[in-house]
Amino acid sequence: MNIGIGLLAAMLVGVGLVLQQHAAEQAPKAYFLRLRLIAELLRERRWLAGIAIMVAGQILSAWTIGHLSLSLAEPLLATELIFALIVAVPLSGERLQKSEVLGALLLSAGVAALSVSRSINTQGLRFGSAAYWPAAAAIGAVALCLIRAGWRREAQQRALLTGTASGLIFGISDALTRQTVEIISRHSLVAVLTSWPAYCLVATSLVALWLMQSSFNAAPLHASLPAITAAEPVAGILLGVVVFGDVIHISPGEIALQAAGLVALVMGVILVARAPALSSLRPKRLLTARPVRAKPARTTPEGEPAQAAPEEEPAQTAPEGEKV
């Protein structure tokens, strides 16, 4: 059941991301990394619909993260890219290619391999502790460096770097979501309101959303979504191991299965993200005829309107055989 909820969450998030990017790329490029970008997007119905759908997906994602380990929940939620591709195909008018289908299959196989590896009970290594939360600050520092680098670049490089930073912050947000859910399950809602993870969760979610919209504004979806999809599980899994003590299986078979699943996941993300349907997802602008401007009336030196010159009458032609 939890895996099904995770897939539903990924579907809603994928649909919401496509709608958001389709609206964000229409905003002026000068709004990159400015709060004015969000103010502009708040007027777009398509963007608001995308946000509403994504929020519904994030709520289900929070349930998934709270009931599954981050090392399983993160790859499961990465399937949002497949659902984004499904929605992008009719919007862009492009057809699915073999490479995209292969990428989707690899992505699904990678998620399945990681899920199977987590379900096998074997000897594992655990060394995480809540005292290692500063690791999230280190991930945030890496994201800040990527943001500064993206500010100096343009177009696809800017979208790639900013999208990677957004994915890292979303990974931190996932870890804070898990911490918040654990507090609710152990104590009460009042305990959440008096603890720091809930407020940090709100702050990181808003920052990640802002960065994601900026990356959407910089270039087409294929430049930013792969970075977001790949960076988020990396940060989430890392914090799951370091902070929450998720078990690392050390048997040769487990390591091989997890490595194969991770490689398939990354290759699937790359192949799906390079789909023409995602790169061609641009707003179609209607071409309208320019209105003809009336010429200003001539005026005399005294300021009075000048009279139009009389039209010349066409020259009369004489009948044949006569001279004019």
Protein backbone atom coordinates (compact mmCIF):
# COMPACT_ATOMS: atom_id res chain seq x y z
CA MET A 1 0.00 0.00 0.00
CA ASN A 2 2.77 2.44 0.89
CA ILE A 3 4.48 1.81 -2.45
CA GLY A 4 1.19 2.47 -4.27
CA ILE A 5 0.76 5.75 -2.41
CA GLY A 6 4.33 6.65 -3.36
CA LEU A 7 3.62 6.04 -7.05
CA LEU A 8 0.45 8.13 -6.86
CA ALA A 9 2.45 10.91 -5.22
CA ALA A 10 5.07 10.72 -8.00
CA MET A 11 2.33 10.94 -10.65
CA LEU A 12 0.79 14.06 -9.09
CA VAL A 13 4.17 15.74 -8.64
CA GLY A 14 5.19 14.95 -12.24
CA VAL A 15 1.98 16.43 -13.67
CA GLY A 16 2.32 19.50 -11.46
CA LEU A 17 5.93 20.10 -12.52
CA VAL A 18 5.06 20.09 -16.22
CA LEU A 19 2.26 22.62 -15.73
CA GLN A 20 4.50 24.85 -13.63
CA GLN A 21 7.38 24.85 -16.11
CA HIS A 22 5.04 25.51 -19.02
CA ALA A 23 4.00 28.74 -17.27
CA ALA A 24 7.34 29.71 -15.69
CA GLU A 25 9.26 29.77 -18.97
CA GLN A 26 6.94 32.51 -20.27
CA ALA A 27 8.05 34.90 -17.52
CA PRO A 28 10.81 37.41 -18.38
CA LYS A 29 14.32 36.03 -17.96
CA ALA A 30 15.23 39.09 -15.90
CA TYR A 31 13.12 37.64 -13.07
CA PHE A 32 15.60 34.78 -12.52
CA LEU A 33 16.22 34.26 -8.78
CA ARG A 34 13.97 37.19 -7.94
CA LEU A 35 10.84 37.10 -5.81
CA ARG A 36 9.09 39.02 -8.57
CA LEU A 37 9.07 35.77 -10.53
CA ILE A 38 6.73 34.18 -7.96
CA ALA A 39 4.55 37.30 -7.95
CA GLU A 40 4.25 37.07 -11.74
CA LEU A 41 3.43 33.36 -11.68
CA LEU A 42 0.70 33.85 -9.09
CA ARG A 43 -1.35 35.44 -11.88
CA GLU A 44 -1.09 32.38 -14.13
CA ARG A 45 -3.93 29.86 -13.79
CA ARG A 46 -1.90 27.02 -15.25
CA TRP A 47 0.89 27.59 -12.73
CA LEU A 48 -1.59 27.71 -9.85
CA ALA A 49 -3.14 24.45 -11.05
CA GLY A 50 0.33 22.90 -11.20
CA ILE A 51 1.08 24.06 -7.66
CA ALA A 52 -2.21 22.64 -6.36
CA ILE A 53 -1.55 19.26 -7.99
CA MET A 54 2.03 19.21 -6.74
CA VAL A 55 0.97 20.05 -3.18
CA ALA A 56 -1.43 17.10 -3.24
CA GLY A 57 1.45 14.94 -4.41
CA GLN A 58 3.75 16.32 -1.72
CA ILE A 59 1.23 15.42 0.97
CA LEU A 60 1.22 11.84 -0.25
CA SER A 61 5.02 12.01 -0.52
CA ALA A 62 5.16 12.99 3.14
CA TRP A 63 3.10 9.88 3.98
CA THR A 64 5.47 7.74 1.90
CA ILE A 65 8.59 9.21 3.48
CA GLY A 66 7.13 8.80 6.95
CA HIS A 67 6.33 5.10 6.43
CA LEU A 68 9.27 3.98 4.29
CA SER A 69 13.01 4.42 4.63
CA LEU A 70 14.46 7.28 2.61
CA SER A 71 16.65 4.84 0.69
CA LEU A 72 13.43 3.28 -0.69
CA ALA A 73 11.09 6.27 -0.76
CA GLU A 74 13.46 8.53 -2.72
CA PRO A 75 13.93 6.20 -5.74
CA LEU A 76 10.20 5.50 -5.71
CA LEU A 77 9.36 9.19 -5.89
CA ALA A 78 11.89 9.65 -8.70
CA THR A 79 9.39 8.00 -11.05
CA GLU A 80 7.78 11.45 -11.29
CA LEU A 81 9.93 11.90 -14.40
CA ILE A 82 8.00 9.15 -16.22
CA PHE A 83 4.67 10.80 -15.44
CA ALA A 84 6.07 14.18 -16.48
CA LEU A 85 7.01 12.66 -19.83
CA ILE A 86 3.51 11.23 -20.29
CA VAL A 87 1.96 14.66 -19.75
CA ALA A 88 4.57 16.48 -21.87
CA VAL A 89 3.94 14.36 -24.97
CA PRO A 90 0.47 15.76 -25.82
CA LEU A 91 1.46 19.31 -24.82
CA SER A 92 4.54 19.35 -27.07
CA GLY A 93 3.08 17.38 -29.97
CA GLU A 94 6.15 15.09 -30.05
CA ARG A 95 6.03 11.31 -30.35
CA LEU A 96 7.64 8.86 -27.96
CA GLN A 97 10.92 7.40 -29.18
CA LYS A 98 12.59 4.08 -28.40
CA SER A 99 15.22 5.74 -26.20
CA GLU A 100 12.53 7.32 -24.05
CA VAL A 101 10.68 4.02 -23.61
CA LEU A 102 13.99 2.36 -22.73
CA GLY A 103 14.72 5.09 -20.22
CA ALA A 104 11.34 4.63 -18.60
CA LEU A 105 11.91 0.87 -18.35
CA LEU A 106 15.39 1.38 -16.85
CA LEU A 107 14.03 3.88 -14.36
CA SER A 108 11.30 1.44 -13.31
CA ALA A 109 13.77 -1.44 -13.12
CA GLY A 110 16.11 0.62 -10.97
CA VAL A 111 13.32 1.45 -8.54
CA ALA A 112 12.26 -2.20 -8.44
CA ALA A 113 15.84 -3.38 -7.78
CA LEU A 114 16.30 -0.92 -4.94
CA SER A 115 12.92 -1.89 -3.49
CA VAL A 116 13.78 -5.60 -3.57
CA SER A 117 17.17 -4.99 -2.00
CA ARG A 118 15.53 -3.16 0.89
CA SER A 119 13.03 -5.98 1.51
CA ILE A 120 15.69 -8.66 2.07
CA ASN A 121 16.66 -9.11 5.70
CA THR A 122 20.42 -9.56 5.82
CA GLN A 123 23.29 -8.27 7.87
CA GLY A 124 23.64 -4.53 7.60
CA LEU A 125 25.64 -1.59 8.87
CA ARG A 126 24.06 1.25 10.80
CA PHE A 127 25.90 4.30 12.08
CA GLY A 128 23.48 7.25 11.78
CA SER A 129 22.57 9.60 14.61
CA ALA A 130 20.40 12.68 15.10
CA ALA A 131 23.58 14.45 16.19
CA TYR A 132 24.66 14.44 12.53
CA TRP A 133 22.04 16.97 11.38
CA PRO A 134 24.86 19.43 10.48
CA ALA A 135 25.32 17.24 7.40
CA ALA A 136 22.22 19.00 6.06
CA ALA A 137 24.04 22.32 6.43
CA ALA A 138 26.92 20.91 4.39
CA ILE A 139 24.49 19.92 1.62
CA GLY A 140 23.02 23.43 1.80
CA ALA A 141 26.49 24.91 1.36
CA VAL A 142 26.99 22.84 -1.80
CA ALA A 143 23.62 24.09 -3.07
CA LEU A 144 24.67 27.69 -2.40
CA CYS A 145 27.83 27.21 -4.48
CA LEU A 146 25.72 25.84 -7.32
CA ILE A 147 23.37 28.82 -7.13
CA ARG A 148 26.27 31.28 -7.35
CA ALA A 149 27.69 29.39 -10.31
CA GLY A 150 24.30 29.34 -12.04
CA TRP A 151 23.90 33.09 -11.56
CA ARG A 152 26.99 33.62 -13.74
CA ARG A 153 25.74 31.35 -16.51
CA GLU A 154 22.86 31.51 -18.94
CA ALA A 155 20.18 29.31 -20.48
CA GLN A 156 20.66 25.55 -20.05
CA GLN A 157 23.75 25.74 -17.80
CA ARG A 158 21.91 28.13 -15.50
CA ALA A 159 18.89 25.80 -15.39
CA LEU A 160 21.09 22.75 -14.75
CA LEU A 161 23.02 24.28 -11.84
CA THR A 162 19.98 25.91 -10.24
CA GLY A 163 17.93 22.75 -10.70
CA THR A 164 20.64 20.70 -8.98
CA ALA A 165 20.63 23.13 -6.06
CA SER A 166 16.85 22.88 -5.88
CA GLY A 167 17.02 19.09 -5.82
CA LEU A 168 19.53 19.13 -2.96
CA ILE A 169 17.31 21.44 -0.91
CA PHE A 170 14.31 19.23 -1.67
CA GLY A 171 16.35 16.29 -0.33
CA ILE A 172 16.88 18.19 2.92
CA SER A 173 13.15 18.93 2.97
CA ASP A 174 12.43 15.20 2.61
CA ALA A 175 14.59 14.44 5.63
CA LEU A 176 12.85 17.16 7.65
CA THR A 177 9.50 15.72 6.56
CA ARG A 178 10.48 12.35 7.95
CA GLN A 179 11.57 13.94 11.22
CA THR A 180 8.29 15.85 11.47
CA VAL A 181 6.20 12.75 10.78
CA GLU A 182 8.11 10.83 13.45
CA ILE A 183 7.40 13.59 15.98
CA ILE A 184 3.68 13.46 15.16
CA SER A 185 3.56 9.67 15.48
CA ARG A 186 5.43 9.64 18.82
CA HIS A 187 3.91 12.72 20.44
CA SER A 188 1.20 15.05 19.13
CA LEU A 189 0.56 17.94 16.78
CA VAL A 190 1.30 20.38 19.60
CA ALA A 191 4.77 18.90 19.92
CA VAL A 192 5.37 19.60 16.22
CA LEU A 193 4.47 23.27 16.65
CA THR A 194 7.00 23.60 19.45
CA SER A 195 9.87 21.83 17.66
CA TRP A 196 12.37 23.13 15.12
CA PRO A 197 11.98 20.52 12.29
CA ALA A 198 8.51 21.76 11.27
CA TYR A 199 9.66 25.37 10.80
CA CYS A 200 12.82 24.32 9.01
CA LEU A 201 10.65 22.15 6.77
CA VAL A 202 8.53 25.14 5.74
CA ALA A 203 11.61 27.28 5.10
CA THR A 204 13.47 24.69 3.03
CA SER A 205 10.35 23.82 1.02
CA LEU A 206 9.80 27.47 0.07
CA VAL A 207 13.46 27.96 -0.88
CA ALA A 208 13.48 24.77 -2.95
CA LEU A 209 10.26 25.82 -4.71
CA TRP A 210 11.71 29.25 -5.52
CA LEU A 211 14.89 27.74 -6.92
CA MET A 212 12.91 25.23 -8.98
CA GLN A 213 10.75 27.93 -10.55
CA SER A 214 13.90 29.92 -11.40
CA SER A 215 15.40 26.88 -13.12
CA PHE A 216 12.15 26.38 -15.04
CA ASN A 217 12.30 30.02 -16.13
CA ALA A 218 15.86 29.74 -17.42
CA ALA A 219 15.45 26.96 -20.03
CA PRO A 220 13.14 24.15 -21.24
CA LEU A 221 12.18 21.35 -18.88
CA HIS A 222 14.82 18.87 -20.09
CA ALA A 223 17.59 21.12 -18.76
CA SER A 224 16.41 21.28 -15.14
CA LEU A 225 14.13 18.33 -14.33
CA PRO A 226 16.85 15.63 -14.61
CA ALA A 227 19.05 17.55 -12.18
CA ILE A 228 16.18 17.97 -9.72
CA THR A 229 15.15 14.33 -10.02
CA ALA A 230 18.69 13.04 -9.53
CA ALA A 231 19.87 15.41 -6.79
CA GLU A 232 16.86 15.01 -4.49
CA PRO A 233 17.25 11.26 -3.83
CA VAL A 234 21.02 11.62 -3.43
CA ALA A 235 20.61 14.18 -0.64
CA GLY A 236 17.67 12.31 0.89
CA ILE A 237 19.40 8.93 0.94
CA LEU A 238 22.57 10.48 2.37
CA LEU A 239 20.67 12.09 5.24
CA GLY A 240 18.68 8.90 5.74
CA VAL A 241 21.89 6.98 6.35
CA VAL A 242 23.76 9.67 8.30
CA VAL A 243 20.95 11.13 10.43
CA PHE A 244 18.27 8.42 10.69
CA GLY A 245 20.53 5.39 10.65
CA ASP A 246 19.08 3.65 7.61
CA VAL A 247 20.72 0.25 7.25
CA ILE A 248 23.46 -0.21 4.64
CA HIS A 249 23.51 -3.84 3.49
CA ILE A 250 27.05 -5.13 3.20
CA SER A 251 26.58 -8.58 1.64
CA PRO A 252 28.05 -8.93 -1.90
CA GLY A 253 24.70 -9.78 -3.47
CA GLU A 254 22.96 -6.84 -1.79
CA ILE A 255 25.68 -4.40 -2.83
CA ALA A 256 25.57 -5.65 -6.44
CA LEU A 257 21.77 -5.37 -6.57
CA GLN A 258 21.77 -1.89 -5.09
CA ALA A 259 24.56 -0.75 -7.42
CA ALA A 260 22.71 -2.13 -10.45
CA GLY A 261 19.50 -0.45 -9.36
CA LEU A 262 21.24 2.88 -8.83
CA VAL A 263 22.95 2.73 -12.25
CA ALA A 264 19.66 1.83 -13.95
CA LEU A 265 17.93 4.67 -12.10
CA VAL A 266 20.51 7.27 -13.24
CA MET A 267 20.57 6.03 -16.85
CA GLY A 268 16.79 6.00 -16.97
CA VAL A 269 16.63 9.58 -15.69
CA ILE A 270 19.12 10.72 -18.34
CA LEU A 271 17.35 8.97 -21.23
CA VAL A 272 13.89 10.14 -20.24
CA ALA A 273 15.07 13.69 -19.59
CA ARG A 274 16.57 14.00 -23.06
CA ALA A 275 13.19 13.32 -24.65
CA PRO A 276 12.18 15.79 -27.38
CA ALA A 277 8.79 16.06 -25.70
CA LEU A 278 10.45 17.73 -22.70
CA SER A 279 12.80 19.93 -24.74
CA SER A 280 9.95 21.07 -27.03
CA LEU A 281 7.61 21.93 -24.16
CA ARG A 282 7.40 25.64 -24.92
CA PRO A 283 4.42 27.95 -24.96
CA LYS A 284 2.87 28.39 -28.39
CA ARG A 285 2.46 32.08 -29.09
CA LEU A 286 -0.15 33.25 -31.54
CA LEU A 287 1.02 35.54 -34.31
CA THR A 288 -1.27 38.56 -34.72
CA ALA A 289 -1.23 41.19 -37.40
CA ARG A 290 0.26 44.51 -36.40
CA PRO A 291 -2.24 47.39 -36.46
CA VAL A 292 -1.62 50.04 -39.12
CA ARG A 293 -0.74 53.34 -37.51
CA ALA A 294 -2.32 56.48 -38.97
CA LYS A 295 0.13 59.09 -40.20
CA PRO A 296 0.06 62.34 -38.19
CA ALA A 297 -1.70 65.24 -39.89
CA ARG A 298 0.49 67.96 -41.33
CA THR A 299 0.36 71.40 -39.75
CA THR A 300 1.27 74.86 -41.02
CA PRO A 301 3.84 77.03 -39.26
CA GLU A 302 0.91 78.81 -37.55
CA GLY A 303 -0.24 75.51 -36.09
CA GLU A 304 -3.31 75.13 -38.33
CA PRO A 305 -3.88 71.82 -40.12
CA ALA A 306 -2.70 71.95 -43.71
CA GLN A 307 -5.14 71.30 -46.48
CA ALA A 308 -4.62 68.19 -48.49
CA ALA A 309 -3.29 68.77 -51.96
CA PRO A 310 -5.92 68.30 -54.64
CA GLU A 311 -5.70 65.05 -56.44
CA GLU A 312 -4.45 65.29 -60.00
CA GLU A 313 -6.97 64.40 -62.64
CA PRO A 314 -5.88 61.71 -65.01
CA ALA A 315 -4.73 62.99 -68.38
CA GLN A 316 -7.35 62.75 -71.07
CA THR A 317 -6.50 60.73 -74.11
CA ALA A 318 -7.51 61.91 -77.53
CA PRO A 319 -9.49 59.71 -79.88
CA GLU A 320 -7.56 57.80 -82.43
CA GLY A 321 -6.53 59.87 -85.41
CA GLU A 322 -6.68 63.23 -83.54
CA LYS A 323 -3.83 65.21 -82.04
CA VAL A 324 -4.02 66.77 -78.65
